[in-house]
N, C-alpha and C. Protein backbone atom coordinates (compact mmCIF):
# COMPACT_ATOMS: atom_id res chain seq x y z
N MET A 1 4.54 8.82 -23.02
CA MET A 1 5.29 7.69 -22.55
C MET A 1 6.70 8.18 -22.21
N LYS A 2 7.29 7.54 -21.25
CA LYS A 2 8.65 7.87 -20.85
C LYS A 2 9.45 6.58 -20.79
N TYR A 3 10.76 6.75 -20.97
CA TYR A 3 11.65 5.60 -20.94
C TYR A 3 12.94 6.02 -20.28
N PHE A 4 13.33 5.32 -19.23
CA PHE A 4 14.56 5.64 -18.48
C PHE A 4 15.68 4.71 -18.93
N LYS A 5 16.84 5.31 -19.21
CA LYS A 5 18.00 4.49 -19.57
C LYS A 5 19.27 5.31 -19.37
N ASN A 6 20.25 4.68 -18.76
CA ASN A 6 21.58 5.28 -18.56
C ASN A 6 21.53 6.65 -17.90
N GLY A 7 20.70 6.79 -16.88
CA GLY A 7 20.63 8.05 -16.15
C GLY A 7 19.89 9.15 -16.87
N LYS A 8 19.23 8.81 -17.96
CA LYS A 8 18.47 9.79 -18.74
C LYS A 8 17.02 9.33 -18.81
N VAL A 9 16.17 10.27 -19.20
CA VAL A 9 14.78 9.92 -19.47
C VAL A 9 14.42 10.48 -20.84
N TYR A 10 13.68 9.68 -21.58
CA TYR A 10 13.19 10.07 -22.89
C TYR A 10 11.67 10.19 -22.77
N VAL A 11 11.13 11.31 -23.21
CA VAL A 11 9.71 11.59 -23.01
C VAL A 11 9.09 11.97 -24.36
N HIS A 12 7.93 11.39 -24.64
CA HIS A 12 7.22 11.72 -25.88
C HIS A 12 6.84 13.19 -25.91
N TYR A 13 6.91 13.77 -27.08
CA TYR A 13 6.46 15.15 -27.27
C TYR A 13 5.02 15.31 -26.79
N ASN A 14 4.21 14.30 -27.06
CA ASN A 14 2.80 14.34 -26.66
C ASN A 14 2.65 14.54 -25.16
N ASP A 15 3.54 13.94 -24.39
CA ASP A 15 3.50 14.11 -22.94
C ASP A 15 3.99 15.49 -22.54
N LEU A 16 5.00 15.97 -23.23
CA LEU A 16 5.54 17.29 -22.91
C LEU A 16 4.50 18.39 -23.09
N ILE A 17 3.74 18.32 -24.17
CA ILE A 17 2.77 19.39 -24.40
C ILE A 17 1.62 19.34 -23.39
N ASN A 18 1.46 18.22 -22.73
CA ASN A 18 0.41 18.11 -21.71
C ASN A 18 0.89 18.45 -20.31
N LEU A 19 2.19 18.61 -20.12
CA LEU A 19 2.72 18.90 -18.79
C LEU A 19 2.08 20.13 -18.14
N PRO A 20 2.00 21.27 -18.83
CA PRO A 20 1.45 22.46 -18.16
C PRO A 20 0.02 22.28 -17.66
N GLN A 21 -0.77 21.49 -18.37
CA GLN A 21 -2.17 21.32 -17.98
C GLN A 21 -2.36 20.24 -16.92
N LEU A 22 -1.47 19.26 -16.90
CA LEU A 22 -1.70 18.10 -16.04
C LEU A 22 -0.78 18.04 -14.82
N CYS A 23 0.17 18.96 -14.74
CA CYS A 23 1.06 19.00 -13.57
C CYS A 23 0.61 20.10 -12.62
N GLU A 24 0.84 19.86 -11.36
CA GLU A 24 0.51 20.86 -10.36
C GLU A 24 1.67 21.81 -10.11
N VAL A 25 2.83 21.47 -10.62
CA VAL A 25 4.00 22.33 -10.45
C VAL A 25 4.44 22.84 -11.82
N GLY A 26 5.21 23.92 -11.82
CA GLY A 26 5.67 24.51 -13.07
C GLY A 26 6.51 23.56 -13.88
N SER A 27 6.25 23.52 -15.17
CA SER A 27 6.99 22.61 -16.04
C SER A 27 7.35 23.27 -17.36
N SER A 28 7.14 24.56 -17.47
CA SER A 28 7.36 25.24 -18.74
C SER A 28 8.81 25.16 -19.20
N ASP A 29 9.76 25.18 -18.26
CA ASP A 29 11.18 25.07 -18.64
C ASP A 29 11.48 23.72 -19.28
N LEU A 30 10.87 22.67 -18.77
CA LEU A 30 11.07 21.34 -19.34
C LEU A 30 10.46 21.24 -20.73
N VAL A 31 9.31 21.85 -20.91
CA VAL A 31 8.66 21.84 -22.22
C VAL A 31 9.55 22.57 -23.22
N ARG A 32 10.07 23.74 -22.83
CA ARG A 32 10.96 24.50 -23.71
C ARG A 32 12.23 23.73 -24.03
N LYS A 33 12.80 23.08 -23.02
CA LYS A 33 14.02 22.30 -23.27
C LYS A 33 13.73 21.14 -24.22
N GLY A 34 12.63 20.45 -23.99
CA GLY A 34 12.31 19.27 -24.79
C GLY A 34 11.89 19.58 -26.21
N LEU A 35 11.17 20.68 -26.39
CA LEU A 35 10.63 21.01 -27.71
C LEU A 35 11.36 22.14 -28.39
N GLY A 36 12.18 22.88 -27.64
CA GLY A 36 12.89 24.01 -28.21
C GLY A 36 12.14 25.31 -27.95
N GLU A 37 12.79 26.39 -28.26
CA GLU A 37 12.24 27.73 -27.99
C GLU A 37 11.23 28.17 -29.03
N GLY A 38 11.36 27.68 -30.24
CA GLY A 38 10.49 28.13 -31.33
C GLY A 38 9.11 27.52 -31.28
N TYR A 39 8.33 27.88 -32.25
CA TYR A 39 6.97 27.37 -32.39
C TYR A 39 7.03 25.99 -33.02
N ILE A 40 6.33 25.04 -32.43
CA ILE A 40 6.29 23.68 -32.98
C ILE A 40 4.86 23.17 -32.92
N VAL A 41 4.45 22.53 -33.97
CA VAL A 41 3.13 21.92 -34.03
C VAL A 41 3.30 20.44 -33.73
N ILE A 42 2.58 19.97 -32.74
CA ILE A 42 2.60 18.55 -32.40
C ILE A 42 1.40 17.91 -33.07
N ASP A 43 1.68 16.98 -33.97
CA ASP A 43 0.61 16.27 -34.67
C ASP A 43 1.02 14.81 -34.81
N ASP A 44 0.29 14.07 -35.63
CA ASP A 44 0.56 12.64 -35.75
C ASP A 44 1.94 12.33 -36.32
N SER A 45 2.57 13.31 -36.99
CA SER A 45 3.88 13.06 -37.57
C SER A 45 5.00 13.10 -36.53
N ASN A 46 4.78 13.74 -35.39
CA ASN A 46 5.86 13.87 -34.41
C ASN A 46 5.44 13.63 -32.95
N ARG A 47 4.19 13.36 -32.74
CA ARG A 47 3.69 13.22 -31.36
C ARG A 47 4.43 12.13 -30.58
N TYR A 48 4.94 11.12 -31.28
CA TYR A 48 5.63 10.02 -30.61
C TYR A 48 7.15 10.12 -30.71
N ASN A 49 7.65 11.29 -31.09
CA ASN A 49 9.09 11.54 -31.01
C ASN A 49 9.46 11.71 -29.54
N PHE A 50 10.70 11.44 -29.23
CA PHE A 50 11.16 11.54 -27.84
C PHE A 50 12.07 12.76 -27.66
N ALA A 51 11.92 13.42 -26.54
CA ALA A 51 12.86 14.45 -26.10
C ALA A 51 13.71 13.82 -25.01
N GLU A 52 14.97 14.19 -24.97
CA GLU A 52 15.90 13.61 -24.00
C GLU A 52 16.17 14.60 -22.87
N PHE A 53 16.15 14.10 -21.64
CA PHE A 53 16.47 14.89 -20.46
C PHE A 53 17.55 14.14 -19.69
N ASP A 54 18.62 14.86 -19.34
CA ASP A 54 19.75 14.16 -18.72
C ASP A 54 20.18 14.72 -17.37
N LEU A 55 19.63 15.85 -16.97
CA LEU A 55 19.99 16.39 -15.66
C LEU A 55 19.28 15.58 -14.57
N PRO A 56 19.97 15.29 -13.47
CA PRO A 56 19.35 14.45 -12.42
C PRO A 56 18.00 14.99 -11.92
N GLU A 57 17.87 16.30 -11.78
CA GLU A 57 16.59 16.84 -11.31
C GLU A 57 15.48 16.67 -12.34
N GLU A 58 15.84 16.69 -13.62
CA GLU A 58 14.84 16.45 -14.67
C GLU A 58 14.39 14.99 -14.66
N VAL A 59 15.37 14.10 -14.55
CA VAL A 59 15.06 12.67 -14.52
C VAL A 59 14.17 12.37 -13.32
N GLU A 60 14.49 12.95 -12.17
CA GLU A 60 13.70 12.73 -10.95
C GLU A 60 12.28 13.31 -11.11
N PHE A 61 12.19 14.47 -11.74
CA PHE A 61 10.88 15.08 -11.98
C PHE A 61 9.98 14.12 -12.75
N PHE A 62 10.51 13.55 -13.84
CA PHE A 62 9.70 12.64 -14.65
C PHE A 62 9.48 11.30 -13.94
N ARG A 63 10.41 10.90 -13.12
CA ARG A 63 10.22 9.65 -12.36
C ARG A 63 9.03 9.78 -11.41
N ASN A 64 8.80 10.99 -10.90
CA ASN A 64 7.72 11.22 -9.94
C ASN A 64 6.37 11.49 -10.58
N ILE A 65 6.32 11.62 -11.88
CA ILE A 65 5.04 11.84 -12.56
C ILE A 65 4.45 10.48 -12.90
N ASP A 66 3.35 10.14 -12.22
CA ASP A 66 2.79 8.81 -12.42
C ASP A 66 1.78 8.72 -13.57
N TRP A 67 1.33 9.84 -14.10
CA TRP A 67 0.35 9.78 -15.18
C TRP A 67 0.99 9.61 -16.56
N ILE A 68 2.31 9.74 -16.65
CA ILE A 68 3.00 9.42 -17.90
C ILE A 68 3.46 7.97 -17.78
N LEU A 69 2.98 7.13 -18.68
CA LEU A 69 3.32 5.71 -18.61
C LEU A 69 4.82 5.51 -18.78
N ASP A 70 5.37 4.65 -17.95
CA ASP A 70 6.78 4.29 -18.03
C ASP A 70 6.87 3.02 -18.87
N TYR A 71 7.43 3.17 -20.06
CA TYR A 71 7.52 2.03 -20.97
C TYR A 71 8.28 0.87 -20.33
N GLY A 72 9.27 1.17 -19.50
CA GLY A 72 10.03 0.13 -18.83
C GLY A 72 9.18 -0.74 -17.92
N GLU A 73 8.09 -0.18 -17.41
CA GLU A 73 7.21 -0.94 -16.51
C GLU A 73 6.16 -1.76 -17.23
N ILE A 74 5.87 -1.42 -18.47
CA ILE A 74 4.77 -2.12 -19.16
C ILE A 74 5.22 -2.86 -20.42
N LYS A 75 6.49 -2.75 -20.78
CA LYS A 75 6.92 -3.33 -22.05
C LYS A 75 6.82 -4.85 -22.09
N TYR A 76 6.85 -5.50 -20.95
CA TYR A 76 6.77 -6.96 -20.96
C TYR A 76 5.36 -7.50 -20.77
N LEU A 77 4.38 -6.62 -20.67
CA LEU A 77 3.00 -7.10 -20.55
C LEU A 77 2.59 -7.78 -21.84
N ASN A 78 1.92 -8.92 -21.71
CA ASN A 78 1.40 -9.55 -22.92
C ASN A 78 0.14 -8.80 -23.34
N GLU A 79 -0.37 -9.13 -24.51
CA GLU A 79 -1.52 -8.40 -25.06
C GLU A 79 -2.74 -8.46 -24.15
N GLU A 80 -2.94 -9.60 -23.52
CA GLU A 80 -4.09 -9.76 -22.63
C GLU A 80 -3.99 -8.83 -21.42
N ASP A 81 -2.82 -8.76 -20.82
CA ASP A 81 -2.62 -7.87 -19.67
C ASP A 81 -2.68 -6.41 -20.07
N LEU A 82 -2.13 -6.10 -21.23
CA LEU A 82 -2.19 -4.74 -21.75
C LEU A 82 -3.64 -4.32 -21.98
N GLU A 83 -4.43 -5.21 -22.54
CA GLU A 83 -5.83 -4.92 -22.78
C GLU A 83 -6.60 -4.74 -21.47
N ARG A 84 -6.31 -5.59 -20.49
CA ARG A 84 -6.95 -5.45 -19.18
C ARG A 84 -6.62 -4.10 -18.54
N LEU A 85 -5.37 -3.69 -18.64
CA LEU A 85 -4.95 -2.40 -18.09
C LEU A 85 -5.66 -1.25 -18.82
N ALA A 86 -5.76 -1.34 -20.12
CA ALA A 86 -6.47 -0.31 -20.90
C ALA A 86 -7.95 -0.27 -20.52
N GLN A 87 -8.55 -1.44 -20.35
CA GLN A 87 -9.97 -1.49 -19.95
C GLN A 87 -10.16 -0.86 -18.57
N ARG A 88 -9.22 -1.14 -17.65
CA ARG A 88 -9.32 -0.55 -16.32
C ARG A 88 -9.22 0.97 -16.38
N LYS A 89 -8.31 1.48 -17.20
CA LYS A 89 -8.18 2.94 -17.35
C LYS A 89 -9.44 3.53 -17.96
N PHE A 90 -10.00 2.84 -18.93
CA PHE A 90 -11.23 3.31 -19.57
C PHE A 90 -12.37 3.36 -18.55
N LEU A 91 -12.50 2.32 -17.72
CA LEU A 91 -13.55 2.29 -16.70
C LEU A 91 -13.33 3.37 -15.63
N GLU A 92 -12.07 3.56 -15.22
CA GLU A 92 -11.77 4.64 -14.27
C GLU A 92 -12.21 5.99 -14.85
N ASN A 93 -11.95 6.16 -16.12
CA ASN A 93 -12.32 7.39 -16.79
C ASN A 93 -13.84 7.57 -16.81
N GLN A 94 -14.55 6.50 -17.10
CA GLN A 94 -16.02 6.56 -17.13
C GLN A 94 -16.57 6.92 -15.75
N LEU A 95 -15.98 6.35 -14.70
CA LEU A 95 -16.42 6.65 -13.34
C LEU A 95 -16.19 8.13 -13.00
N LEU A 96 -15.07 8.66 -13.42
CA LEU A 96 -14.80 10.09 -13.19
C LEU A 96 -15.81 10.97 -13.93
N ILE A 97 -16.15 10.58 -15.13
CA ILE A 97 -17.15 11.34 -15.90
C ILE A 97 -18.49 11.31 -15.19
N GLU A 98 -18.89 10.13 -14.72
CA GLU A 98 -20.15 10.02 -13.98
C GLU A 98 -20.13 10.87 -12.71
N THR A 99 -19.01 10.80 -11.99
CA THR A 99 -18.87 11.59 -10.77
C THR A 99 -19.01 13.08 -11.08
N TYR A 100 -18.33 13.51 -12.11
CA TYR A 100 -18.38 14.92 -12.50
C TYR A 100 -19.80 15.32 -12.91
N ASN A 101 -20.45 14.49 -13.70
CA ASN A 101 -21.80 14.80 -14.17
C ASN A 101 -22.82 14.83 -13.03
N ASN A 102 -22.54 14.14 -11.93
CA ASN A 102 -23.44 14.14 -10.80
C ASN A 102 -23.23 15.32 -9.86
N LEU A 103 -22.22 16.13 -10.12
CA LEU A 103 -21.97 17.33 -9.31
C LEU A 103 -22.90 18.45 -9.75
N SER A 104 -23.14 19.35 -8.84
CA SER A 104 -23.91 20.54 -9.21
C SER A 104 -23.05 21.40 -10.14
N GLU A 105 -23.68 22.34 -10.81
CA GLU A 105 -22.95 23.21 -11.73
C GLU A 105 -21.85 23.99 -11.00
N GLN A 106 -22.15 24.44 -9.81
CA GLN A 106 -21.17 25.20 -9.03
C GLN A 106 -20.00 24.28 -8.63
N GLU A 107 -20.32 23.05 -8.22
CA GLU A 107 -19.26 22.10 -7.86
C GLU A 107 -18.39 21.76 -9.07
N GLN A 108 -19.01 21.64 -10.23
CA GLN A 108 -18.25 21.37 -11.45
C GLN A 108 -17.28 22.52 -11.74
N ASP A 109 -17.76 23.75 -11.59
CA ASP A 109 -16.93 24.92 -11.87
C ASP A 109 -15.73 25.01 -10.94
N ASN A 110 -15.85 24.47 -9.73
CA ASN A 110 -14.79 24.57 -8.73
C ASN A 110 -14.00 23.28 -8.57
N ASN A 111 -14.11 22.36 -9.52
CA ASN A 111 -13.48 21.05 -9.35
C ASN A 111 -12.50 20.75 -10.48
N TYR A 112 -11.50 21.61 -10.62
CA TYR A 112 -10.51 21.39 -11.66
C TYR A 112 -9.69 20.12 -11.41
N ASP A 113 -9.53 19.74 -10.16
CA ASP A 113 -8.76 18.53 -9.85
C ASP A 113 -9.40 17.29 -10.47
N LEU A 114 -10.71 17.22 -10.47
CA LEU A 114 -11.41 16.09 -11.07
C LEU A 114 -11.21 16.09 -12.59
N ILE A 115 -11.25 17.26 -13.19
CA ILE A 115 -11.02 17.37 -14.63
C ILE A 115 -9.59 16.95 -14.95
N ARG A 116 -8.64 17.41 -14.16
CA ARG A 116 -7.23 17.05 -14.36
C ARG A 116 -7.05 15.53 -14.21
N GLN A 117 -7.68 14.96 -13.21
CA GLN A 117 -7.58 13.52 -13.00
C GLN A 117 -8.15 12.76 -14.21
N HIS A 118 -9.27 13.23 -14.72
CA HIS A 118 -9.87 12.62 -15.91
C HIS A 118 -8.91 12.69 -17.09
N ARG A 119 -8.29 13.83 -17.31
CA ARG A 119 -7.37 14.00 -18.44
C ARG A 119 -6.14 13.12 -18.28
N ARG A 120 -5.66 12.97 -17.06
CA ARG A 120 -4.50 12.11 -16.82
C ARG A 120 -4.81 10.66 -17.16
N ILE A 121 -5.95 10.18 -16.72
CA ILE A 121 -6.33 8.79 -16.99
C ILE A 121 -6.59 8.59 -18.48
N TRP A 122 -7.24 9.56 -19.11
CA TRP A 122 -7.48 9.47 -20.55
C TRP A 122 -6.15 9.44 -21.30
N HIS A 123 -5.20 10.22 -20.83
CA HIS A 123 -3.87 10.26 -21.43
C HIS A 123 -3.20 8.89 -21.33
N GLN A 124 -3.29 8.25 -20.18
CA GLN A 124 -2.73 6.92 -20.00
C GLN A 124 -3.41 5.92 -20.93
N PHE A 125 -4.72 6.01 -21.02
CA PHE A 125 -5.46 5.12 -21.90
C PHE A 125 -4.98 5.27 -23.34
N LYS A 126 -4.82 6.50 -23.80
CA LYS A 126 -4.39 6.73 -25.17
C LYS A 126 -2.97 6.19 -25.40
N ASP A 127 -2.10 6.28 -24.40
CA ASP A 127 -0.76 5.71 -24.54
C ASP A 127 -0.81 4.19 -24.61
N LEU A 128 -1.71 3.58 -23.85
CA LEU A 128 -1.86 2.12 -23.93
C LEU A 128 -2.36 1.71 -25.31
N VAL A 129 -3.25 2.48 -25.87
CA VAL A 129 -3.72 2.22 -27.24
C VAL A 129 -2.55 2.35 -28.22
N ALA A 130 -1.71 3.37 -28.01
CA ALA A 130 -0.55 3.56 -28.88
C ALA A 130 0.41 2.38 -28.81
N ILE A 131 0.62 1.85 -27.60
CA ILE A 131 1.50 0.69 -27.46
C ILE A 131 0.90 -0.51 -28.19
N HIS A 132 -0.39 -0.69 -28.05
CA HIS A 132 -1.05 -1.78 -28.78
C HIS A 132 -0.87 -1.58 -30.29
N ASP A 133 -1.08 -0.37 -30.77
CA ASP A 133 -0.93 -0.09 -32.20
C ASP A 133 0.51 -0.31 -32.66
N TYR A 134 1.46 0.04 -31.82
CA TYR A 134 2.87 -0.19 -32.14
C TYR A 134 3.15 -1.69 -32.26
N ARG A 135 2.66 -2.44 -31.31
CA ARG A 135 2.88 -3.88 -31.34
C ARG A 135 2.20 -4.53 -32.54
N SER A 136 1.09 -3.94 -32.97
CA SER A 136 0.35 -4.48 -34.11
C SER A 136 0.94 -4.04 -35.44
N GLY A 137 1.94 -3.17 -35.38
CA GLY A 137 2.57 -2.67 -36.61
C GLY A 137 1.83 -1.51 -37.24
N ASN A 138 0.86 -0.93 -36.53
CA ASN A 138 0.07 0.17 -37.07
C ASN A 138 0.58 1.54 -36.65
N LEU A 139 1.63 1.58 -35.86
CA LEU A 139 2.18 2.85 -35.39
C LEU A 139 3.69 2.72 -35.30
N GLU A 140 4.39 3.71 -35.78
CA GLU A 140 5.84 3.72 -35.68
C GLU A 140 6.25 4.66 -34.56
N LEU A 141 7.00 4.14 -33.62
CA LEU A 141 7.54 4.97 -32.54
C LEU A 141 8.96 5.35 -32.94
N ASN A 142 9.25 6.63 -32.91
CA ASN A 142 10.59 7.11 -33.25
C ASN A 142 11.46 7.03 -32.01
N LEU A 143 12.08 5.88 -31.83
CA LEU A 143 12.88 5.64 -30.63
C LEU A 143 14.17 6.43 -30.69
N PRO A 144 14.62 6.94 -29.55
CA PRO A 144 15.88 7.68 -29.51
C PRO A 144 17.06 6.81 -29.92
N ASP A 145 18.05 7.42 -30.56
CA ASP A 145 19.23 6.69 -31.00
C ASP A 145 19.93 5.99 -29.83
N GLU A 146 19.95 6.63 -28.66
CA GLU A 146 20.66 6.05 -27.53
C GLU A 146 20.07 4.72 -27.09
N LEU A 147 18.80 4.50 -27.38
CA LEU A 147 18.22 3.21 -27.01
C LEU A 147 18.80 2.10 -27.86
N ASP A 148 19.37 2.49 -29.02
CA ASP A 148 20.14 1.59 -29.87
C ASP A 148 19.42 0.27 -30.11
N CYS A 149 18.20 0.38 -30.56
CA CYS A 149 17.41 -0.82 -30.80
C CYS A 149 16.91 -0.81 -32.23
N SER A 150 17.12 -1.90 -32.92
CA SER A 150 16.46 -2.05 -34.21
C SER A 150 15.04 -2.54 -33.93
N VAL A 151 14.20 -2.48 -34.92
CA VAL A 151 12.82 -2.93 -34.72
C VAL A 151 12.80 -4.38 -34.28
N ASN A 152 13.64 -5.22 -34.88
CA ASN A 152 13.65 -6.63 -34.52
C ASN A 152 14.05 -6.84 -33.06
N GLU A 153 15.05 -6.09 -32.59
CA GLU A 153 15.48 -6.22 -31.20
C GLU A 153 14.38 -5.78 -30.25
N ILE A 154 13.67 -4.73 -30.61
CA ILE A 154 12.58 -4.24 -29.75
C ILE A 154 11.50 -5.31 -29.67
N ILE A 155 11.12 -5.83 -30.80
CA ILE A 155 10.06 -6.85 -30.80
C ILE A 155 10.50 -8.05 -29.97
N TYR A 156 11.73 -8.49 -30.18
CA TYR A 156 12.18 -9.68 -29.45
C TYR A 156 12.40 -9.41 -27.97
N ASN A 157 13.15 -8.37 -27.66
CA ASN A 157 13.55 -8.13 -26.27
C ASN A 157 12.47 -7.48 -25.42
N ASP A 158 11.72 -6.56 -25.97
CA ASP A 158 10.78 -5.80 -25.16
C ASP A 158 9.36 -6.34 -25.19
N ILE A 159 8.98 -6.97 -26.26
CA ILE A 159 7.56 -7.29 -26.41
C ILE A 159 7.29 -8.78 -26.31
N CYS A 160 8.10 -9.59 -26.92
CA CYS A 160 7.74 -11.00 -27.10
C CYS A 160 8.43 -11.95 -26.14
N LYS A 161 8.91 -11.46 -25.02
CA LYS A 161 9.57 -12.34 -24.06
C LYS A 161 8.67 -13.50 -23.65
N THR A 162 7.38 -13.25 -23.61
CA THR A 162 6.47 -14.29 -23.13
C THR A 162 5.78 -15.04 -24.27
N LYS A 163 6.11 -14.70 -25.50
CA LYS A 163 5.45 -15.33 -26.64
C LYS A 163 6.24 -16.56 -27.10
N GLU A 164 5.60 -17.39 -27.92
CA GLU A 164 6.27 -18.54 -28.50
C GLU A 164 7.27 -18.07 -29.54
N LYS A 165 8.37 -18.82 -29.69
CA LYS A 165 9.40 -18.42 -30.66
C LYS A 165 8.86 -18.39 -32.08
N SER A 166 7.94 -19.27 -32.42
CA SER A 166 7.41 -19.27 -33.79
C SER A 166 6.67 -17.96 -34.07
N LEU A 167 5.97 -17.43 -33.06
CA LEU A 167 5.29 -16.16 -33.23
C LEU A 167 6.32 -15.04 -33.41
N ILE A 168 7.37 -15.08 -32.61
CA ILE A 168 8.43 -14.07 -32.74
C ILE A 168 9.01 -14.11 -34.14
N LYS A 169 9.29 -15.30 -34.64
CA LYS A 169 9.86 -15.42 -35.97
C LYS A 169 8.90 -14.86 -37.02
N ARG A 170 7.62 -15.13 -36.90
CA ARG A 170 6.64 -14.60 -37.87
C ARG A 170 6.61 -13.08 -37.82
N ILE A 171 6.64 -12.50 -36.61
CA ILE A 171 6.61 -11.05 -36.48
C ILE A 171 7.86 -10.42 -37.08
N ILE A 172 9.02 -10.99 -36.73
CA ILE A 172 10.27 -10.45 -37.25
C ILE A 172 10.32 -10.58 -38.77
N ASP A 173 9.88 -11.71 -39.29
CA ASP A 173 9.84 -11.88 -40.74
C ASP A 173 8.91 -10.86 -41.38
N SER A 174 7.78 -10.61 -40.74
CA SER A 174 6.83 -9.63 -41.26
C SER A 174 7.44 -8.23 -41.27
N VAL A 175 8.12 -7.86 -40.19
CA VAL A 175 8.77 -6.54 -40.11
C VAL A 175 9.87 -6.44 -41.15
N ASN A 176 10.67 -7.49 -41.28
CA ASN A 176 11.75 -7.47 -42.28
C ASN A 176 11.18 -7.32 -43.68
N TYR A 177 10.08 -8.01 -43.96
CA TYR A 177 9.45 -7.91 -45.26
C TYR A 177 8.95 -6.48 -45.52
N LYS A 178 8.29 -5.89 -44.51
CA LYS A 178 7.79 -4.51 -44.65
C LYS A 178 8.94 -3.53 -44.87
N ASN A 179 10.03 -3.71 -44.11
CA ASN A 179 11.19 -2.82 -44.24
C ASN A 179 11.85 -2.96 -45.60
N SER A 180 11.96 -4.20 -46.11
CA SER A 180 12.59 -4.38 -47.42
C SER A 180 11.68 -3.85 -48.53
N ALA A 181 10.38 -3.90 -48.34
CA ALA A 181 9.44 -3.38 -49.34
C ALA A 181 9.49 -1.86 -49.41
N LYS A 182 9.79 -1.21 -48.27
CA LYS A 182 9.87 0.25 -48.25
C LYS A 182 11.10 0.76 -48.99
N LYS A 183 12.16 -0.06 -49.01
CA LYS A 183 13.42 0.37 -49.63
C LYS A 183 13.38 0.17 -51.08
């Protein structure tokens, strides 16, 4: 997932590690900048951390990548629309699998573009699932400090614009209760 704000872009580590396989142009410098020069293991503890990119050419590079979901474009979708989008991505993925399976063995060996397209759509689907899990309280996204959002502000401003206020209050109360229980 990516998020644009104040001339910068914030990109999930999970997206960065997939850049070399899913981009047609070189992206190793961006991966190194985002993750650092050393060895790093991306797992469930950090996959949703954000790396910050602030150079105009970096921001433009990520703006042109359509297979990384832009949180700014989907944050106001209600659950029904989010689910429909996820279902569409899942069906697109199934169609690509069928197409690939119907190719001859030689055609399969020479069709990396189809495999890349499948991985891109699967990647989008998994990000949509992550957003659903985040909204359900089952996933914590480590938002960058510059976004300057508390959990309550994110729920109110980004997610529940179209929900009833009573639902917003219940969600915020639930989050506040969970946060106070952790302390």
